[in-house]
Protein backbone atom coordinates (compact mmCIF):
# COMPACT_ATOMS: atom_id res chain seq x y z
CA MET A 1 115.54 106.26 76.93
CA TYR A 2 113.44 107.22 79.97
CA ASN A 3 114.92 109.49 82.59
CA ILE A 4 111.96 109.25 84.95
CA PRO A 5 112.97 108.39 88.51
CA HIS A 6 111.19 105.32 89.83
CA GLU A 7 111.28 102.87 92.66
CA SER A 8 111.90 99.19 92.00
CA LEU A 9 110.27 96.52 94.12
CA HIS A 10 112.78 93.86 95.04
CA ARG A 11 110.71 91.49 97.15
CA ASP A 12 107.35 91.11 98.82
CA ASP A 13 107.72 92.57 102.28
CA TYR A 14 103.99 92.42 102.91
CA LYS A 15 101.35 89.87 102.03
CA ILE A 16 97.72 90.73 101.37
CA GLU A 17 96.57 87.82 103.57
CA ASP A 18 98.62 89.16 106.51
CA MET A 19 97.22 92.65 106.03
CA MET A 20 93.69 91.23 105.94
CA LEU A 21 94.30 89.74 109.39
CA ILE A 22 95.71 93.04 110.66
CA ILE A 23 92.60 94.86 109.44
CA GLU A 24 90.30 92.29 111.03
CA GLU A 25 92.23 92.61 114.31
CA ALA A 26 91.77 96.39 114.15
CA PHE A 27 88.02 95.70 114.19
CA SER A 28 88.25 93.54 117.32
CA ALA A 29 87.27 96.41 119.64
CA LYS A 30 85.01 98.40 117.33
CA ASN A 31 82.63 98.03 114.40
CA LYS A 32 83.78 101.09 112.45
CA LEU A 33 87.20 102.31 111.26
CA PHE A 34 88.35 105.11 109.02
CA LEU A 35 90.57 104.11 106.11
CA ASP A 36 93.15 106.77 106.96
CA GLU A 37 93.51 105.18 110.44
CA LEU A 38 94.78 102.02 108.79
CA PHE A 39 97.32 103.94 106.74
CA SER A 40 98.57 106.11 109.61
CA ASP A 41 100.70 103.32 111.12
CA ALA A 42 102.13 102.10 107.80
CA LYS A 43 105.92 102.01 107.66
CA ASP A 44 106.25 102.67 103.94
CA MET A 45 104.34 103.02 100.69
CA ASN A 46 104.49 99.27 100.00
CA GLN A 47 102.61 98.63 103.23
CA VAL A 48 100.01 101.29 102.36
CA ILE A 49 99.44 99.66 98.97
CA THR A 50 99.16 96.19 100.51
CA LEU A 51 96.74 97.47 103.16
CA PHE A 52 94.63 99.03 100.43
CA LEU A 53 94.59 95.79 98.41
CA ALA A 54 93.67 93.85 101.56
CA THR A 55 90.83 96.30 102.20
CA LEU A 56 89.52 95.74 98.67
CA GLU A 57 89.69 91.98 99.15
CA LEU A 58 87.75 92.19 102.45
CA ILE A 59 85.10 94.28 100.70
CA LYS A 60 84.94 91.75 97.87
CA ILE A 61 84.32 88.84 100.26
CA HIS A 62 81.81 90.89 102.29
CA ARG A 63 83.82 90.96 105.53
CA ILE A 64 83.67 94.76 105.57
CA SER A 65 81.59 97.42 103.87
CA VAL A 66 82.71 100.84 102.78
CA GLN A 67 80.97 104.21 102.80
CA GLN A 68 81.95 107.71 101.71
CA GLU A 69 79.42 110.47 102.31
CA THR A 70 80.94 113.15 100.07
CA ILE A 71 83.44 113.39 97.24
CA PHE A 72 86.94 113.41 98.79
CA GLY A 73 85.30 112.75 102.17
CA THR A 74 86.40 110.35 104.86
CA ILE A 75 86.12 106.69 103.90
CA THR A 76 84.46 104.63 106.61
CA LEU A 77 84.89 100.87 106.90
CA ARG A 78 82.30 98.82 108.78
CA LYS A 79 82.64 95.30 110.12
CA GLU A 80 80.17 92.87 108.52
CA TRP A 81 80.72 89.85 110.74
CA THR A 82 80.10 88.98 114.37
CA ASN A 83 82.91 87.86 116.62
CA GLU A 84 83.09 84.09 116.37
C-alpha cells in the first residue's frame, strides 16, 4: 500500500536518562554549551533524537535553560545548577 522507505527501530540503544547524564557531564567544565556541540559526537540519528529528548527533559526540570537570539540561530544551553 505504501512504498515510502522508512527505518524501523528494533530496540532502545539509548536511554533518555543516560543522555541526561552525558549532557550534565558536558557542563562539568563550562556553564554554556551549544546544542549542535551535543549532536556533533552522535553516532547515529537515534542518538541525536535521544539527546534532544534528554535536553527537553533537562529544560523541563530546570537543570538547563535554553536561548536562541534569532530565528534559525544558534541554540545556547546554560547550566542552571551549581556543582554539588
